[in-house]
N, C-alpha and C. Protein backbone atom coordinates (compact mmCIF):
# COMPACT_ATOMS: atom_id res chain seq x y z
N MET A 1 0.81 -1.14 -0.23
CA MET A 1 -0.01 -0.09 0.08
C MET A 1 0.77 1.15 0.05
N LYS A 2 0.14 2.10 -0.85
CA LYS A 2 0.98 3.33 -0.91
C LYS A 2 0.28 4.47 -0.43
N PHE A 3 0.69 5.03 0.84
CA PHE A 3 -0.13 6.26 1.40
C PHE A 3 0.84 7.51 0.75
N ARG A 4 0.00 8.43 0.73
CA ARG A 4 0.59 9.70 0.16
C ARG A 4 0.52 10.72 1.37
N LYS A 5 1.65 11.22 1.42
CA LYS A 5 1.82 12.24 2.29
C LYS A 5 1.57 13.56 1.65
N SER A 6 0.75 14.39 2.71
CA SER A 6 0.65 15.49 1.88
C SER A 6 1.76 16.41 1.85
N ALA A 7 1.97 16.93 0.50
CA ALA A 7 3.06 17.61 0.24
C ALA A 7 3.05 19.07 0.76
N ARG A 8 1.96 19.45 1.15
CA ARG A 8 1.81 20.85 1.59
C ARG A 8 0.80 20.92 2.87
N ARG A 9 1.49 21.52 3.43
CA ARG A 9 0.58 21.38 5.09
C ARG A 9 0.06 22.87 5.13
N ASP A 10 -1.08 23.05 5.70
CA ASP A 10 -1.66 24.55 5.89
C ASP A 10 -1.01 24.76 7.17
N THR A 11 -0.51 26.06 7.25
CA THR A 11 -0.10 26.89 8.30
C THR A 11 -1.15 27.48 9.10
N PRO A 12 -1.28 27.25 10.35
CA PRO A 12 -2.41 28.01 11.17
C PRO A 12 -2.02 29.47 11.28
N GLU A 13 -3.30 30.25 11.23
CA GLU A 13 -3.30 31.57 11.35
C GLU A 13 -4.22 32.12 12.30
N VAL A 14 -3.54 33.22 12.92
CA VAL A 14 -4.48 34.07 14.00
C VAL A 14 -5.38 34.81 13.40
N ASN A 15 -6.54 34.51 13.96
CA ASN A 15 -7.72 35.29 13.62
C ASN A 15 -7.79 36.42 14.30
N LEU A 16 -7.48 37.68 13.68
CA LEU A 16 -7.39 39.08 14.49
C LEU A 16 -8.89 39.87 14.54
N ILE A 17 -9.67 39.52 13.77
CA ILE A 17 -10.84 40.05 13.84
C ILE A 17 -11.71 39.75 15.12
N ALA A 18 -11.87 38.79 15.53
CA ALA A 18 -12.43 38.53 16.86
C ALA A 18 -11.71 39.37 18.08
N PHE A 19 -10.49 39.31 18.01
CA PHE A 19 -9.40 39.92 18.79
C PHE A 19 -10.03 41.61 18.86
N ILE A 20 -9.99 42.03 17.70
CA ILE A 20 -10.24 43.55 17.63
C ILE A 20 -11.55 43.85 17.99
N ASP A 21 -12.71 42.89 17.61
CA ASP A 21 -13.97 43.37 18.37
C ASP A 21 -14.14 43.25 19.88
N VAL A 22 -13.44 42.46 20.40
CA VAL A 22 -13.52 42.47 21.93
C VAL A 22 -12.58 43.64 22.45
N LEU A 23 -11.57 44.01 21.77
CA LEU A 23 -10.76 45.49 22.06
C LEU A 23 -11.64 46.69 22.04
N LEU A 24 -12.42 46.61 21.04
CA LEU A 24 -13.44 47.76 20.60
C LEU A 24 -14.69 47.99 21.93
N VAL A 25 -15.02 46.55 22.17
CA VAL A 25 -16.22 46.71 23.11
C VAL A 25 -15.56 47.02 24.53
N ILE A 26 -14.22 46.66 24.84
CA ILE A 26 -13.59 47.09 26.15
C ILE A 26 -13.48 48.60 26.06
N LEU A 27 -12.89 49.08 25.00
CA LEU A 27 -12.57 50.40 24.92
C LEU A 27 -13.69 51.49 24.96
N ILE A 28 -14.86 50.83 24.57
CA ILE A 28 -16.48 51.27 24.56
C ILE A 28 -16.94 51.69 26.12
N PHE A 29 -16.72 50.45 26.75
CA PHE A 29 -16.85 50.31 28.17
C PHE A 29 -16.26 51.26 29.09
N LEU A 30 -14.86 51.43 28.81
CA LEU A 30 -13.73 52.30 29.37
C LEU A 30 -14.14 53.68 29.30
N MET A 31 -14.52 54.18 28.03
CA MET A 31 -14.74 55.31 27.75
C MET A 31 -16.24 55.65 28.51
N VAL A 32 -17.06 55.13 28.58
CA VAL A 32 -18.49 55.47 29.17
C VAL A 32 -18.31 55.16 30.70
N SER A 33 -17.36 54.45 31.24
CA SER A 33 -17.39 54.34 32.79
C SER A 33 -16.27 55.20 33.23
N THR A 34 -15.78 56.31 32.62
CA THR A 34 -14.89 57.07 33.06
C THR A 34 -15.57 58.22 34.22
N THR A 35 -14.65 58.35 35.07
CA THR A 35 -15.10 59.59 36.27
C THR A 35 -13.96 60.67 36.30
N PHE A 36 -14.40 61.66 36.60
CA PHE A 36 -13.45 62.76 36.86
C PHE A 36 -13.16 63.12 38.31
N SER A 37 -12.24 63.75 38.90
CA SER A 37 -12.08 64.00 40.53
C SER A 37 -12.58 65.53 40.62
N LYS A 38 -13.05 65.86 41.95
CA LYS A 38 -13.42 66.92 42.23
C LYS A 38 -12.80 67.09 43.78
N PHE A 39 -12.62 68.32 44.03
CA PHE A 39 -11.84 68.62 45.50
C PHE A 39 -12.67 69.25 46.28
N SER A 40 -12.90 68.94 47.61
CA SER A 40 -13.95 69.53 48.36
C SER A 40 -12.88 70.44 49.50
N ALA A 41 -13.79 70.89 50.41
CA ALA A 41 -13.21 71.74 51.52
C ALA A 41 -12.33 70.84 52.36
N LEU A 42 -12.43 69.69 52.54
CA LEU A 42 -11.59 69.09 53.44
C LEU A 42 -10.73 68.19 52.49
N LYS A 43 -10.10 68.89 51.35
CA LYS A 43 -9.36 68.24 50.62
C LYS A 43 -9.41 66.62 50.19
N LEU A 44 -10.65 66.35 50.05
CA LEU A 44 -10.90 65.04 49.39
C LEU A 44 -11.02 65.15 47.86
N SER A 45 -10.57 64.32 47.26
CA SER A 45 -10.57 64.19 45.85
C SER A 45 -11.77 63.25 45.23
N LEU A 46 -12.82 63.68 44.71
CA LEU A 46 -14.08 63.11 44.51
C LEU A 46 -14.38 63.36 43.08
N PRO A 47 -15.36 62.46 42.50
CA PRO A 47 -15.58 62.55 41.04
C PRO A 47 -16.61 63.72 40.86
N THR A 48 -16.50 64.12 39.56
CA THR A 48 -17.66 65.19 39.18
C THR A 48 -18.28 64.75 38.03
N ALA A 49 -19.15 65.05 37.79
CA ALA A 49 -20.02 64.81 36.37
C ALA A 49 -20.86 66.30 35.93
N THR A 50 -20.68 66.28 34.70
CA THR A 50 -21.24 67.37 34.22
C THR A 50 -22.68 66.96 33.52
N THR A 51 -23.52 68.01 33.41
CA THR A 51 -24.72 67.59 32.92
C THR A 51 -25.18 68.92 31.85
N ASN A 52 -26.14 68.67 31.20
CA ASN A 52 -26.60 69.48 30.24
C ASN A 52 -27.00 70.91 30.62
N PRO A 53 -26.35 71.95 30.47
CA PRO A 53 -26.53 73.17 30.93
C PRO A 53 -28.21 73.88 30.88
N GLU A 54 -28.93 73.11 29.89
CA GLU A 54 -30.23 73.85 29.71
C GLU A 54 -31.13 73.15 30.79
N GLN A 55 -30.83 72.13 31.55
CA GLN A 55 -31.68 71.77 32.56
C GLN A 55 -31.49 72.46 33.68
N ALA A 56 -32.73 72.70 34.34
CA ALA A 56 -32.49 73.38 35.78
C ALA A 56 -31.87 72.51 36.68
N GLN A 57 -30.97 72.87 37.45
CA GLN A 57 -30.29 72.02 38.26
C GLN A 57 -30.73 72.45 39.70
N PRO A 58 -31.05 71.36 40.56
CA PRO A 58 -31.39 71.74 41.88
C PRO A 58 -30.16 72.24 42.74
N LYS A 59 -30.38 73.05 43.81
CA LYS A 59 -29.37 73.43 44.68
C LYS A 59 -28.68 72.32 45.18
N THR A 60 -27.54 72.33 45.26
CA THR A 60 -26.75 71.12 45.86
C THR A 60 -26.10 71.80 47.13
N VAL A 61 -26.12 70.91 48.14
CA VAL A 61 -25.57 71.49 49.60
C VAL A 61 -24.44 70.41 49.97
N SER A 62 -23.27 70.80 49.85
CA SER A 62 -22.18 69.90 50.18
C SER A 62 -21.75 69.79 51.60
N VAL A 63 -21.90 68.69 52.18
CA VAL A 63 -21.54 68.22 53.63
C VAL A 63 -20.42 67.25 53.58
N ALA A 64 -19.27 67.66 54.03
CA ALA A 64 -18.14 67.11 54.32
C ALA A 64 -17.99 66.55 55.58
N ILE A 65 -17.42 65.23 55.81
CA ILE A 65 -17.42 64.76 57.00
C ILE A 65 -15.83 64.34 57.15
N ASP A 66 -15.10 64.76 57.85
CA ASP A 66 -13.76 64.17 57.93
C ASP A 66 -13.44 62.95 58.80
N ALA A 67 -12.26 62.58 59.25
CA ALA A 67 -11.82 61.14 59.88
C ALA A 67 -12.38 61.42 61.19
N SER A 68 -12.43 62.44 61.56
CA SER A 68 -12.42 62.76 63.29
C SER A 68 -14.12 62.96 63.20
N GLY A 69 -14.99 63.06 62.48
CA GLY A 69 -16.35 63.22 62.41
C GLY A 69 -16.61 64.52 62.43
N SER A 70 -15.79 65.72 62.20
CA SER A 70 -15.96 66.94 61.97
C SER A 70 -16.96 67.10 60.70
N VAL A 71 -18.02 68.27 60.84
CA VAL A 71 -18.75 68.37 59.78
C VAL A 71 -18.63 69.72 59.24
N THR A 72 -18.51 69.83 57.79
CA THR A 72 -18.59 71.19 57.16
C THR A 72 -19.68 71.21 56.24
N VAL A 73 -20.47 72.19 56.14
CA VAL A 73 -21.59 72.34 55.42
C VAL A 73 -21.40 73.61 54.62
N ASP A 74 -20.89 73.46 53.15
CA ASP A 74 -20.83 74.47 52.07
C ASP A 74 -19.90 75.25 52.57
N SER A 75 -18.54 74.69 52.90
CA SER A 75 -17.42 75.38 53.12
C SER A 75 -17.46 76.18 54.52
N ARG A 76 -18.50 75.87 55.29
CA ARG A 76 -18.45 76.27 56.75
C ARG A 76 -18.36 75.27 57.75
N ARG A 77 -17.19 75.21 58.26
CA ARG A 77 -16.99 74.26 59.55
C ARG A 77 -17.81 74.33 60.72
N LEU A 78 -18.37 73.23 61.03
CA LEU A 78 -19.25 73.28 62.20
C LEU A 78 -18.66 72.28 63.35
N GLY A 79 -17.60 71.59 62.87
CA GLY A 79 -17.23 70.64 64.08
C GLY A 79 -18.18 69.41 64.31
N LEU A 80 -17.81 69.10 65.67
CA LEU A 80 -18.90 67.87 65.85
C LEU A 80 -20.12 67.96 66.56
N ILE A 81 -21.28 68.06 65.60
CA ILE A 81 -22.41 68.30 66.17
C ILE A 81 -23.60 67.32 66.33
N GLU A 82 -24.74 67.54 66.83
CA GLU A 82 -25.70 66.68 66.79
C GLU A 82 -26.62 66.73 65.52
N PRO A 83 -27.31 65.68 65.33
CA PRO A 83 -28.28 65.83 64.01
C PRO A 83 -29.10 66.93 63.81
N LYS A 84 -29.81 67.41 65.20
CA LYS A 84 -30.80 68.28 65.30
C LYS A 84 -30.04 69.65 64.77
N THR A 85 -28.77 70.09 65.23
CA THR A 85 -28.13 71.17 65.13
C THR A 85 -27.69 71.08 63.81
N LEU A 86 -27.34 69.98 63.31
CA LEU A 86 -27.02 70.04 61.73
C LEU A 86 -28.13 70.22 61.02
N ALA A 87 -29.18 69.65 61.38
CA ALA A 87 -30.47 69.87 60.45
C ALA A 87 -30.93 71.44 60.63
N ALA A 88 -30.71 72.11 61.53
CA ALA A 88 -31.07 73.59 61.49
C ALA A 88 -30.01 74.44 60.50
N ALA A 89 -28.68 73.70 60.51
CA ALA A 89 -27.78 74.53 59.60
C ALA A 89 -28.12 74.33 58.23
N LEU A 90 -28.54 72.87 57.98
CA LEU A 90 -29.04 72.68 56.38
C LEU A 90 -30.37 73.29 56.17
N LYS A 91 -31.37 73.61 57.02
CA LYS A 91 -32.40 74.59 56.80
C LYS A 91 -32.09 76.04 56.62
N GLN A 92 -30.85 76.45 57.14
CA GLN A 92 -30.50 77.95 56.89
C GLN A 92 -30.10 78.00 55.66
N VAL A 93 -29.10 76.66 55.26
CA VAL A 93 -28.59 76.91 53.84
C VAL A 93 -29.54 77.03 52.73
N VAL A 94 -30.45 75.92 52.83
CA VAL A 94 -31.42 75.74 51.89
C VAL A 94 -32.52 76.45 51.70
N GLY A 95 -32.79 77.20 52.81
CA GLY A 95 -34.32 78.17 52.99
C GLY A 95 -35.27 77.22 52.92
N ALA A 96 -36.19 77.81 52.12
CA ALA A 96 -37.34 76.85 51.80
C ALA A 96 -37.40 75.87 50.50
N ASN A 97 -36.38 75.78 49.95
CA ASN A 97 -36.01 74.95 48.85
C ASN A 97 -35.77 73.35 49.15
N THR A 98 -37.07 72.68 49.47
CA THR A 98 -36.67 71.24 49.93
C THR A 98 -36.29 70.27 48.88
N ASP A 99 -36.23 70.88 47.83
CA ASP A 99 -35.80 69.94 46.67
C ASP A 99 -34.34 69.95 46.27
N SER A 100 -33.60 70.47 47.26
CA SER A 100 -31.98 70.75 47.38
C SER A 100 -31.63 69.29 47.42
N VAL A 101 -30.48 68.90 46.82
CA VAL A 101 -29.58 67.68 46.91
C VAL A 101 -28.47 67.65 48.00
N VAL A 102 -28.38 67.00 48.88
CA VAL A 102 -27.36 66.83 49.87
C VAL A 102 -26.36 65.89 49.38
N GLU A 103 -25.24 66.49 49.11
CA GLU A 103 -24.18 65.71 48.81
C GLU A 103 -23.09 65.57 49.68
N ILE A 104 -23.08 64.27 50.21
CA ILE A 104 -22.26 63.83 51.24
C ILE A 104 -20.94 63.47 50.89
N HIS A 105 -19.53 63.95 51.35
CA HIS A 105 -18.58 63.92 50.96
C HIS A 105 -17.83 63.25 52.40
N ALA A 106 -18.00 62.02 52.68
CA ALA A 106 -17.21 61.51 53.76
C ALA A 106 -15.89 60.77 53.56
N ASP A 107 -14.98 61.19 54.44
CA ASP A 107 -13.51 60.67 54.40
C ASP A 107 -13.84 58.98 54.43
N ALA A 108 -12.81 58.26 53.97
CA ALA A 108 -12.90 57.00 54.03
C ALA A 108 -12.78 56.47 55.51
N MET A 109 -12.13 57.10 56.33
CA MET A 109 -11.98 56.91 57.81
C MET A 109 -12.99 57.12 58.78
N ALA A 110 -14.06 57.91 58.04
CA ALA A 110 -14.83 58.69 59.01
C ALA A 110 -15.93 57.37 59.54
N THR A 111 -16.46 57.79 60.67
CA THR A 111 -16.99 56.56 61.23
C THR A 111 -18.44 56.62 60.51
N HIS A 112 -19.08 55.21 60.66
CA HIS A 112 -20.49 55.11 59.93
C HIS A 112 -21.55 55.90 60.91
N GLN A 113 -21.49 56.14 62.05
CA GLN A 113 -22.23 56.89 62.96
C GLN A 113 -22.20 58.46 62.39
N SER A 114 -21.16 58.78 62.00
CA SER A 114 -21.14 60.36 61.79
C SER A 114 -21.78 60.60 60.32
N VAL A 115 -21.68 59.52 59.57
CA VAL A 115 -22.44 59.60 58.24
C VAL A 115 -24.06 59.64 58.34
N VAL A 116 -24.28 58.52 59.26
CA VAL A 116 -25.77 58.19 59.73
C VAL A 116 -26.39 59.60 60.32
N ASN A 117 -25.44 60.02 61.06
CA ASN A 117 -26.01 61.55 61.48
C ASN A 117 -26.41 62.52 60.53
N VAL A 118 -25.63 62.59 59.57
CA VAL A 118 -25.88 63.58 58.51
C VAL A 118 -27.08 63.00 57.41
N MET A 119 -27.18 61.85 57.54
CA MET A 119 -28.47 61.43 56.96
C MET A 119 -29.86 61.90 57.76
N GLU A 120 -29.55 61.52 59.19
CA GLU A 120 -30.55 61.88 60.01
C GLU A 120 -31.04 63.46 60.08
N ALA A 121 -29.86 64.24 59.82
CA ALA A 121 -30.01 65.51 59.81
C ALA A 121 -30.81 66.01 58.55
N ALA A 122 -30.43 65.46 57.47
CA ALA A 122 -30.97 65.92 56.20
C ALA A 122 -32.72 65.41 56.45
N ARG A 123 -32.82 64.41 56.99
CA ARG A 123 -34.28 63.93 57.13
C ARG A 123 -34.87 64.88 58.07
N LEU A 124 -34.55 65.14 58.98
CA LEU A 124 -35.10 66.26 60.07
C LEU A 124 -35.30 67.64 59.20
N ALA A 125 -34.45 68.00 58.30
CA ALA A 125 -34.65 69.26 57.49
C ALA A 125 -35.51 69.28 56.60
N GLY A 126 -36.10 67.72 56.07
CA GLY A 126 -37.04 67.98 55.10
C GLY A 126 -36.18 67.46 53.83
N LEU A 127 -34.91 67.30 53.82
CA LEU A 127 -34.41 67.11 52.61
C LEU A 127 -34.20 65.58 52.30
N GLN A 128 -34.81 65.10 51.27
CA GLN A 128 -34.98 63.71 50.81
C GLN A 128 -34.05 63.31 49.84
N ARG A 129 -33.53 64.13 49.13
CA ARG A 129 -32.51 63.84 47.87
C ARG A 129 -31.07 63.77 48.63
N LEU A 130 -30.47 62.58 48.69
CA LEU A 130 -29.10 62.28 49.17
C LEU A 130 -28.11 61.77 48.02
N SER A 131 -26.93 62.33 48.08
CA SER A 131 -25.94 61.89 46.98
C SER A 131 -24.64 61.47 47.76
N PHE A 132 -23.74 60.48 47.54
CA PHE A 132 -22.71 60.07 48.10
C PHE A 132 -21.35 60.26 47.12
N ALA A 133 -20.66 61.10 47.58
CA ALA A 133 -19.30 61.20 46.58
C ALA A 133 -18.29 60.34 46.96
N THR A 134 -17.84 59.74 45.84
CA THR A 134 -16.64 58.88 45.91
C THR A 134 -15.57 59.12 44.97
N ARG A 135 -14.52 58.35 45.38
CA ARG A 135 -13.29 58.42 44.09
C ARG A 135 -12.88 57.25 43.83
N ASN A 136 -12.36 57.15 42.68
CA ASN A 136 -11.77 55.92 41.97
C ASN A 136 -10.35 55.65 42.90
N PRO A 137 -10.04 54.42 43.39
CA PRO A 137 -8.81 54.16 43.55
C PRO A 137 -7.63 54.49 42.83
N PRO A 138 -6.43 54.81 43.13
CA PRO A 138 -5.32 54.97 42.40
C PRO A 138 -4.90 54.00 41.69
N ARG A 139 -4.34 53.90 40.47
CA ARG A 139 -3.85 53.05 39.58
C ARG A 139 -2.54 52.68 39.85
């Protein structure tokens, strides 16, 4: 018996089209999920987002909490205070505008209780819209 050996063997090729498709999907995901940094009164770097200037933006009250639990409301340092006192300060800042957003900038080492106190103060002041500011970890 005579078996023929293939004189020519096909060399394998790498298909780059699927690889490029995956890279494009990853690139689009990274572009959509990118955030930007913002600096607060307590020198915390936090993300910011821009919105369409045509939309009416509600008033934002920035409440920063440092590691020791001291509270700053719109760059006015209040120190360690109770929720009722903080609620009065929030009411003074927003006035009659209960549609305002309370943006909480809490230090990573701030106690859970100090953050809950700020949330309780916002509730006592009649402010129902809360936002927590965070930052991405360094690369």
